[in-house]
Structures are given as C-alpha cells and as structure tokens.
C-alpha cells in the first residue's frame, strides 16, 4: 500500500490519481481488468472510495464498465493524444498570449534563468530537476495570464499525461521552442507568444505519443 494514502483527506481523489498514473505508465495495461475489491485490498482502503475513483476514471475515458465483469482499462489512440494536445496547445497558447503583456521584468528574468537551468539539468540527465523546473516555468506564465478559468480548463487536459512525464520517460521539452517562447514574451508580442507556446506544447505531445507507444499503452486503431 502506498503510504501516501494513510490518513489523507479526499481519499477517492487520491485513489483516482494513483490508478490514472498506473494506467498512463502501463502498470495497468489496456484491456486489463480493475476490480474495486481487489484494488481496495491492495491499497489497504475501503471499497467505497475505490469505486468512486473508478467511476470518475470511467467518466474521463480511462475505463469501461462491463456488467458483472467490472472495469476494464481502455487504450489511448493516436487520435486521443492528438486531440488532448490540440486542446492543450490552444489553451496554453491563449494563456501565453495574455501573459505577454502581464509578466513583470523580474518574472521574465526568472523565466530566463529557469530556461538555462532546465538545459543544464537536461545535459546532466537530471530528469527530476527538468520536471520541477519545467512545471514552474509554465506555472509562472499561466498564472500571469490572469485567466483562472482557462487555467482550469488546461489542467483538465493534464489528466491524460503522466504526472511526472519528463521525469518518467527521460525525454525533455524542446529547448529551442522554449527559447522562442521567452523571446516572444520579452518582446511583449502576444501573437508570437501564442504561436511559440503552441509549438512547444505540440512537441511535448509528440514525445508523449512516442512514450506511450513504446510502453504499449497506445492503440493505433
């Protein structure tokens, strides 16, 4: 049982996140069955929050429910991944467009330093640091947009990406595309910021598709 579950509030949400990650990393492969009672026993929790979590994942398209057979893991198709990153690239692009005129000079300096540190960590194959810095880089931009509903919509697309994607697959976000984002933000150019951010996110989508395909999680049909 993962210790993170012990004594935690919102247990259903915790179980949901755990199962989603197991699916996205191939630990629960496409076509496999997930039984609430068995999972509850494995995790050391009661079946009720597990059933709630599995129903939530069914609503998100990760599981199907078959009468008298329980839940089955669904495959992610190429089209699924393309659609997720189409939405993510659009939303992140809109946030970057708005951030271009909102970011302070100090924030831009901080983003530039993060960019350099990401490249340094990538050169050292320090995947955990790349992940942490990349998350912070995007968080600063997204918060600076001043558009909380767009940020919420963007967060929903992240359900379909492993939570520690760059740390997990040891591939890294595009330095060139990130540099283009920074250049556009420095110029206070909303159009260029939107376009360059969309390109950066789309590149990450290509990395995810490759990762999922290599792990046998994708279904090309």
C-alpha atoms as a PDB file:
ATOM      1  CA  UNK A   1       0.000   0.000   0.000  1.00  0.00           C
ATOM      2  CA  UNK A   2       1.422   3.425  -0.906  1.00  0.00           C
ATOM      3  CA  UNK A   3       1.994   5.309   2.361  1.00  0.00           C
ATOM      4  CA  UNK A   4       0.609   8.495   0.787  1.00  0.00           C
ATOM      5  CA  UNK A   5      -2.898   7.104   1.243  1.00  0.00           C
ATOM      6  CA  UNK A   6      -2.686   6.817   5.017  1.00  0.00           C
ATOM      7  CA  UNK A   7      -4.721   9.429   6.840  1.00  0.00           C
ATOM      8  CA  UNK A   8      -5.266  11.549   3.768  1.00  0.00           C
ATOM      9  CA  UNK A   9      -8.437  13.541   3.173  1.00  0.00           C
ATOM     10  CA  UNK A  10     -10.238  13.174  -0.141  1.00  0.00           C
ATOM     11  CA  UNK A  11      -9.225   9.543  -0.360  1.00  0.00           C
ATOM     12  CA  UNK A  12     -11.276   8.975  -3.501  1.00  0.00           C
ATOM     13  CA  UNK A  13      -9.305  11.667  -5.329  1.00  0.00           C
ATOM     14  CA  UNK A  14      -6.028  10.143  -4.150  1.00  0.00           C
ATOM     15  CA  UNK A  15      -7.027   6.722  -5.405  1.00  0.00           C
ATOM     16  CA  UNK A  16      -8.194   8.220  -8.687  1.00  0.00           C
ATOM     17  CA  UNK A  17      -4.804   9.881  -9.226  1.00  0.00           C
ATOM     18  CA  UNK A  18      -2.994   6.682  -8.323  1.00  0.00           C
ATOM     19  CA  UNK A  19      -4.975   4.491 -10.726  1.00  0.00           C
ATOM     20  CA  UNK A  20      -4.726   7.058 -13.518  1.00  0.00           C
ATOM     21  CA  UNK A  21      -0.949   7.091 -13.185  1.00  0.00           C
ATOM     22  CA  UNK A  22      -0.832   3.281 -13.230  1.00  0.00           C
ATOM     23  CA  UNK A  23      -2.774   3.322 -16.495  1.00  0.00           C
ATOM     24  CA  UNK A  24      -0.670   6.037 -18.121  1.00  0.00           C
ATOM     25  CA  UNK A  25       2.595   4.343 -17.222  1.00  0.00           C
ATOM     26  CA  UNK A  26       1.438   0.906 -18.394  1.00  0.00           C
ATOM     27  CA  UNK A  27       1.278  -0.724 -14.968  1.00  0.00           C
ATOM     28  CA  UNK A  28      -2.426  -1.312 -15.663  1.00  0.00           C
ATOM     29  CA  UNK A  29      -2.252  -2.199 -19.374  1.00  0.00           C
ATOM     30  CA  UNK A  30      -5.031  -1.650 -21.892  1.00  0.00           C
ATOM     31  CA  UNK A  31      -7.572  -4.453 -21.760  1.00  0.00           C
ATOM     32  CA  UNK A  32      -6.784  -5.466 -18.193  1.00  0.00           C
ATOM     33  CA  UNK A  33      -9.494  -5.638 -15.560  1.00  0.00           C
ATOM     34  CA  UNK A  34      -9.564  -3.475 -12.455  1.00  0.00           C
ATOM     35  CA  UNK A  35     -11.754  -4.804  -9.656  1.00  0.00           C
ATOM     36  CA  UNK A  36     -12.657  -2.395  -6.884  1.00  0.00           C
ATOM     37  CA  UNK A  37     -12.499  -5.011  -4.136  1.00  0.00           C
ATOM     38  CA  UNK A  38      -9.076  -6.288  -5.173  1.00  0.00           C
ATOM     39  CA  UNK A  39      -7.670  -2.787  -5.574  1.00  0.00           C
ATOM     40  CA  UNK A  40      -9.074  -1.733  -2.196  1.00  0.00           C
ATOM     41  CA  UNK A  41      -7.357  -4.697  -0.572  1.00  0.00           C
ATOM     42  CA  UNK A  42      -4.070  -3.921  -2.328  1.00  0.00           C
ATOM     43  CA  UNK A  43      -4.204  -0.293  -1.203  1.00  0.00           C
ATOM     44  CA  UNK A  44      -5.484  -1.028   2.296  1.00  0.00           C
ATOM     45  CA  UNK A  45      -8.556   1.157   1.966  1.00  0.00           C
ATOM     46  CA  UNK A  46     -12.294   0.527   1.949  1.00  0.00           C
ATOM     47  CA  UNK A  47     -14.001  -0.315  -1.368  1.00  0.00           C
ATOM     48  CA  UNK A  48     -16.221   2.791  -1.371  1.00  0.00           C
ATOM     49  CA  UNK A  49     -13.592   5.430  -2.300  1.00  0.00           C
ATOM     50  CA  UNK A  50     -12.104   2.974  -4.798  1.00  0.00           C
ATOM     51  CA  UNK A  51     -15.461   2.561  -6.554  1.00  0.00           C
ATOM     52  CA  UNK A  52     -15.881   6.333  -6.606  1.00  0.00           C
ATOM     53  CA  UNK A  53     -12.411   6.726  -8.102  1.00  0.00           C
ATOM     54  CA  UNK A  54     -13.048   4.099 -10.772  1.00  0.00           C
ATOM     55  CA  UNK A  55     -16.348   5.715 -11.732  1.00  0.00           C
ATOM     56  CA  UNK A  56     -14.554   9.059 -12.088  1.00  0.00           C
ATOM     57  CA  UNK A  57     -11.940   7.456 -14.332  1.00  0.00           C
ATOM     58  CA  UNK A  58     -14.712   5.877 -16.374  1.00  0.00           C
ATOM     59  CA  UNK A  59     -16.111   9.371 -16.944  1.00  0.00           C
ATOM     60  CA  UNK A  60     -12.676  10.539 -18.089  1.00  0.00           C
ATOM     61  CA  UNK A  61     -12.426   7.739 -20.653  1.00  0.00           C
ATOM     62  CA  UNK A  62      -9.777   5.635 -18.935  1.00  0.00           C
ATOM     63  CA  UNK A  63     -12.072   2.727 -18.021  1.00  0.00           C
ATOM     64  CA  UNK A  64     -15.167   0.993 -19.303  1.00  0.00           C
ATOM     65  CA  UNK A  65     -17.687  -0.780 -17.080  1.00  0.00           C
ATOM     66  CA  UNK A  66     -18.905  -4.180 -18.199  1.00  0.00           C
ATOM     67  CA  UNK A  67     -21.921  -5.739 -16.464  1.00  0.00           C
ATOM     68  CA  UNK A  68     -20.917  -8.441 -13.968  1.00  0.00           C
ATOM     69  CA  UNK A  69     -17.294  -8.165 -15.089  1.00  0.00           C
ATOM     70  CA  UNK A  70     -16.182  -4.872 -13.574  1.00  0.00           C
ATOM     71  CA  UNK A  71     -13.937  -2.203 -15.022  1.00  0.00           C
ATOM     72  CA  UNK A  72     -11.611  -2.652 -17.981  1.00  0.00           C
ATOM     73  CA  UNK A  73      -8.724  -0.347 -18.947  1.00  0.00           C
ATOM     74  CA  UNK A  74      -9.242   1.419 -22.278  1.00  0.00           C
ATOM     75  CA  UNK A  75      -6.420   2.114 -24.718  1.00  0.00           C
ATOM     76  CA  UNK A  76      -5.462   5.631 -25.758  1.00  0.00           C
ATOM     77  CA  UNK A  77      -5.428   6.027 -29.532  1.00  0.00           C
ATOM     78  CA  UNK A  78      -3.213   8.301 -31.596  1.00  0.00           C
ATOM     79  CA  UNK A  79      -6.289  10.429 -32.184  1.00  0.00           C
ATOM     80  CA  UNK A  80      -6.962  10.676 -28.445  1.00  0.00           C
ATOM     81  CA  UNK A  81      -3.466  12.000 -27.819  1.00  0.00           C
ATOM     82  CA  UNK A  82      -3.633  14.387 -30.770  1.00  0.00           C
ATOM     83  CA  UNK A  83      -6.965  15.738 -29.543  1.00  0.00           C
ATOM     84  CA  UNK A  84      -5.700  16.225 -25.985  1.00  0.00           C
ATOM     85  CA  UNK A  85      -2.657  18.156 -27.158  1.00  0.00           C
ATOM     86  CA  UNK A  86      -4.660  20.137 -29.693  1.00  0.00           C
ATOM     87  CA  UNK A  87      -6.743  21.423 -26.789  1.00  0.00           C
ATOM     88  CA  UNK A  88      -3.722  21.840 -24.542  1.00  0.00           C
ATOM     89  CA  UNK A  89      -1.741  23.750 -27.190  1.00  0.00           C
ATOM     90  CA  UNK A  90      -4.675  26.092 -27.796  1.00  0.00           C
ATOM     91  CA  UNK A  91      -5.277  26.801 -24.108  1.00  0.00           C
ATOM     92  CA  UNK A  92      -1.599  27.197 -23.236  1.00  0.00           C
ATOM     93  CA  UNK A  93      -1.188  29.440 -26.271  1.00  0.00           C
ATOM     94  CA  UNK A  94      -4.009  31.693 -25.107  1.00  0.00           C
ATOM     95  CA  UNK A  95      -2.505  31.910 -21.636  1.00  0.00           C
ATOM     96  CA  UNK A  96       0.906  32.821 -23.090  1.00  0.00           C
ATOM     97  CA  UNK A  97      -0.743  35.476 -25.272  1.00  0.00           C
ATOM     98  CA  UNK A  98      -2.205  37.152 -22.207  1.00  0.00           C
ATOM     99  CA  UNK A  99       0.923  36.676 -20.116  1.00  0.00           C
ATOM    100  CA  UNK A 100       2.988  38.520 -22.754  1.00  0.00           C
ATOM    101  CA  UNK A 101       1.589  41.837 -21.568  1.00  0.00           C
ATOM    102  CA  UNK A 102       1.290  40.914 -17.884  1.00  0.00           C
ATOM    103  CA  UNK A 103       4.654  39.433 -16.910  1.00  0.00           C
ATOM    104  CA  UNK A 104       6.970  41.712 -14.960  1.00  0.00           C
ATOM    105  CA  UNK A 105      10.611  42.180 -15.910  1.00  0.00           C
ATOM    106  CA  UNK A 106      11.598  40.258 -12.782  1.00  0.00           C
ATOM    107  CA  UNK A 107       9.399  37.359 -13.805  1.00  0.00           C
ATOM    108  CA  UNK A 108      10.942  37.349 -17.281  1.00  0.00           C
ATOM    109  CA  UNK A 109      14.391  37.275 -15.734  1.00  0.00           C
ATOM    110  CA  UNK A 110      13.288  34.366 -13.571  1.00  0.00           C
ATOM    111  CA  UNK A 111      11.933  32.503 -16.608  1.00  0.00           C
ATOM    112  CA  UNK A 112      15.201  33.056 -18.451  1.00  0.00           C
ATOM    113  CA  UNK A 113      17.155  31.647 -15.524  1.00  0.00           C
ATOM    114  CA  UNK A 114      14.817  28.633 -15.390  1.00  0.00           C
ATOM    115  CA  UNK A 115      15.313  28.073 -19.102  1.00  0.00           C
ATOM    116  CA  UNK A 116      19.086  27.950 -18.640  1.00  0.00           C
ATOM    117  CA  UNK A 117      18.778  25.668 -15.609  1.00  0.00           C
ATOM    118  CA  UNK A 118      16.498  23.272 -17.499  1.00  0.00           C
ATOM    119  CA  UNK A 119      19.089  23.000 -20.264  1.00  0.00           C
ATOM    120  CA  UNK A 120      21.832  22.388 -17.705  1.00  0.00           C
ATOM    121  CA  UNK A 121      19.793  19.711 -15.934  1.00  0.00           C
ATOM    122  CA  UNK A 122      18.947  18.057 -19.254  1.00  0.00           C
ATOM    123  CA  UNK A 123      22.628  17.930 -20.175  1.00  0.00           C
ATOM    124  CA  UNK A 124      23.256  16.131 -16.876  1.00  0.00           C
ATOM    125  CA  UNK A 125      20.280  13.794 -17.455  1.00  0.00           C
ATOM    126  CA  UNK A 126      18.789  15.098 -14.213  1.00  0.00           C
ATOM    127  CA  UNK A 127      15.198  14.311 -15.116  1.00  0.00           C
ATOM    128  CA  UNK A 128      13.660  15.216 -11.764  1.00  0.00           C
ATOM    129  CA  UNK A 129      15.121  18.728 -11.890  1.00  0.00           C
ATOM    130  CA  UNK A 130      13.995  19.147 -15.510  1.00  0.00           C
ATOM    131  CA  UNK A 131      10.475  18.164 -14.478  1.00  0.00           C
ATOM    132  CA  UNK A 132      10.346  20.508 -11.475  1.00  0.00           C
ATOM    133  CA  UNK A 133      11.757  23.492 -13.353  1.00  0.00           C
ATOM    134  CA  UNK A 134       9.578  22.898 -16.394  1.00  0.00           C
ATOM    135  CA  UNK A 135       6.471  22.779 -14.201  1.00  0.00           C
ATOM    136  CA  UNK A 136       7.500  26.042 -12.514  1.00  0.00           C
ATOM    137  CA  UNK A 137       8.269  27.689 -15.863  1.00  0.00           C
ATOM    138  CA  UNK A 138       4.766  27.036 -17.179  1.00  0.00           C
ATOM    139  CA  UNK A 139       3.123  27.820 -13.856  1.00  0.00           C
ATOM    140  CA  UNK A 140       4.574  31.350 -13.830  1.00  0.00           C
ATOM    141  CA  UNK A 141       3.361  32.021 -17.365  1.00  0.00           C
ATOM    142  CA  UNK A 142      -0.081  30.535 -16.816  1.00  0.00           C
ATOM    143  CA  UNK A 143      -0.705  32.387 -13.552  1.00  0.00           C
ATOM    144  CA  UNK A 144       0.467  35.659 -15.069  1.00  0.00           C
ATOM    145  CA  UNK A 145      -2.235  35.432 -17.725  1.00  0.00           C
ATOM    146  CA  UNK A 146      -4.854  36.369 -15.131  1.00  0.00           C
ATOM    147  CA  UNK A 147      -7.325  33.842 -16.590  1.00  0.00           C
ATOM    148  CA  UNK A 148      -8.201  31.280 -13.907  1.00  0.00           C
ATOM    149  CA  UNK A 149     -10.918  29.575 -15.960  1.00  0.00           C
ATOM    150  CA  UNK A 150      -8.522  28.964 -18.847  1.00  0.00           C
ATOM    151  CA  UNK A 151      -6.019  27.553 -16.365  1.00  0.00           C
ATOM    152  CA  UNK A 152      -8.703  25.234 -15.003  1.00  0.00           C
ATOM    153  CA  UNK A 153      -9.561  24.007 -18.489  1.00  0.00           C
ATOM    154  CA  UNK A 154      -5.881  23.452 -19.199  1.00  0.00           C
ATOM    155  CA  UNK A 155      -5.480  21.445 -16.002  1.00  0.00           C
ATOM    156  CA  UNK A 156      -8.217  19.078 -17.188  1.00  0.00           C
ATOM    157  CA  UNK A 157      -6.150  18.156 -20.261  1.00  0.00           C
ATOM    158  CA  UNK A 158      -3.292  17.140 -17.961  1.00  0.00           C
ATOM    159  CA  UNK A 159      -5.348  14.153 -16.792  1.00  0.00           C
ATOM    160  CA  UNK A 160      -4.095  12.371 -19.899  1.00  0.00           C
ATOM    161  CA  UNK A 161      -0.388  12.989 -19.293  1.00  0.00           C
ATOM    162  CA  UNK A 162       1.720  11.106 -16.711  1.00  0.00           C
ATOM    163  CA  UNK A 163       2.095  13.444 -13.753  1.00  0.00           C
ATOM    164  CA  UNK A 164       5.898  13.249 -13.910  1.00  0.00           C
ATOM    165  CA  UNK A 165       6.157  12.858 -17.663  1.00  0.00           C
ATOM    166  CA  UNK A 166       9.654  14.223 -18.277  1.00  0.00           C
ATOM    167  CA  UNK A 167      10.998  12.551 -15.141  1.00  0.00           C
ATOM    168  CA  UNK A 168       9.431   9.251 -16.217  1.00  0.00           C
ATOM    169  CA  UNK A 169      10.465   8.976 -19.858  1.00  0.00           C
ATOM    170  CA  UNK A 170      13.792  10.848 -19.687  1.00  0.00           C
ATOM    171  CA  UNK A 171      12.974  12.873 -22.789  1.00  0.00           C
ATOM    172  CA  UNK A 172      12.921  16.615 -22.415  1.00  0.00           C
ATOM    173  CA  UNK A 173      10.848  19.573 -23.603  1.00  0.00           C
ATOM    174  CA  UNK A 174      12.241  21.384 -26.630  1.00  0.00           C
ATOM    175  CA  UNK A 175      14.865  23.940 -25.636  1.00  0.00           C
ATOM    176  CA  UNK A 176      14.534  25.733 -28.990  1.00  0.00           C
ATOM    177  CA  UNK A 177      10.768  26.074 -28.683  1.00  0.00           C
ATOM    178  CA  UNK A 178      11.071  27.242 -25.085  1.00  0.00           C
ATOM    179  CA  UNK A 179      13.632  29.854 -26.181  1.00  0.00           C
ATOM    180  CA  UNK A 180      11.154  31.082 -28.802  1.00  0.00           C
ATOM    181  CA  UNK A 181       8.512  31.436 -26.096  1.00  0.00           C
ATOM    182  CA  UNK A 182      10.890  33.505 -23.998  1.00  0.00           C
ATOM    183  CA  UNK A 183      11.850  35.696 -26.931  1.00  0.00           C
ATOM    184  CA  UNK A 184       8.201  36.420 -27.719  1.00  0.00           C
ATOM    185  CA  UNK A 185       7.435  37.216 -24.090  1.00  0.00           C
ATOM    186  CA  UNK A 186      10.468  39.517 -23.892  1.00  0.00           C
ATOM    187  CA  UNK A 187       9.203  41.397 -26.963  1.00  0.00           C
ATOM    188  CA  UNK A 188       5.738  41.616 -25.398  1.00  0.00           C
ATOM    189  CA  UNK A 189       4.425  40.060 -28.615  1.00  0.00           C
ATOM    190  CA  UNK A 190       1.109  38.263 -27.904  1.00  0.00           C
ATOM    191  CA  UNK A 191       0.811  36.682 -31.367  1.00  0.00           C
ATOM    192  CA  UNK A 192       4.312  35.231 -31.265  1.00  0.00           C
ATOM    193  CA  UNK A 193       3.890  34.112 -27.644  1.00  0.00           C
ATOM    194  CA  UNK A 194       0.735  32.207 -28.522  1.00  0.00           C
ATOM    195  CA  UNK A 195       2.276  30.570 -31.579  1.00  0.00           C
ATOM    196  CA  UNK A 196       5.545  29.601 -29.927  1.00  0.00           C
ATOM    197  CA  UNK A 197       3.816  28.179 -26.852  1.00  0.00           C
ATOM    198  CA  UNK A 198       1.502  26.129 -29.065  1.00  0.00           C
ATOM    199  CA  UNK A 199       4.548  24.721 -30.858  1.00  0.00           C
ATOM    200  CA  UNK A 200       6.216  23.888 -27.537  1.00  0.00           C
ATOM    201  CA  UNK A 201       3.157  22.022 -26.268  1.00  0.00           C
ATOM    202  CA  UNK A 202       2.673  20.196 -29.564  1.00  0.00           C
ATOM    203  CA  UNK A 203       6.256  18.952 -29.374  1.00  0.00           C
ATOM    204  CA  UNK A 204       5.533  17.533 -25.923  1.00  0.00           C
ATOM    205  CA  UNK A 205       2.550  15.762 -27.446  1.00  0.00           C
ATOM    206  CA  UNK A 206       4.845  14.035 -29.938  1.00  0.00           C
ATOM    207  CA  UNK A 207       7.064  12.922 -27.053  1.00  0.00           C
ATOM    208  CA  UNK A 208       4.076  11.530 -25.170  1.00  0.00           C
ATOM    209  CA  UNK A 209       2.813   9.625 -28.186  1.00  0.00           C
ATOM    210  CA  UNK A 210       6.229   8.037 -28.646  1.00  0.00           C
ATOM    211  CA  UNK A 211       6.446   7.202 -24.942  1.00  0.00           C
ATOM    212  CA  UNK A 212       3.007   5.608 -24.792  1.00  0.00           C
ATOM    213  CA  UNK A 213       3.622   3.689 -27.992  1.00  0.00           C
ATOM    214  CA  UNK A 214       6.875   2.301 -26.623  1.00  0.00           C
ATOM    215  CA  UNK A 215       5.113   1.212 -23.450  1.00  0.00           C
ATOM    216  CA  UNK A 216       2.316  -0.466 -25.410  1.00  0.00           C
ATOM    217  CA  UNK A 217      -0.296   1.886 -23.979  1.00  0.00           C
ATOM    218  CA  UNK A 218      -1.407   3.360 -27.285  1.00  0.00           C
ATOM    219  CA  UNK A 219      -3.851   1.726 -29.630  1.00  0.00           C
ATOM    220  CA  UNK A 220      -3.207   2.939 -33.140  1.00  0.00           C
ATOM    221  CA  UNK A 221      -6.617   1.783 -34.341  1.00  0.00           C
END
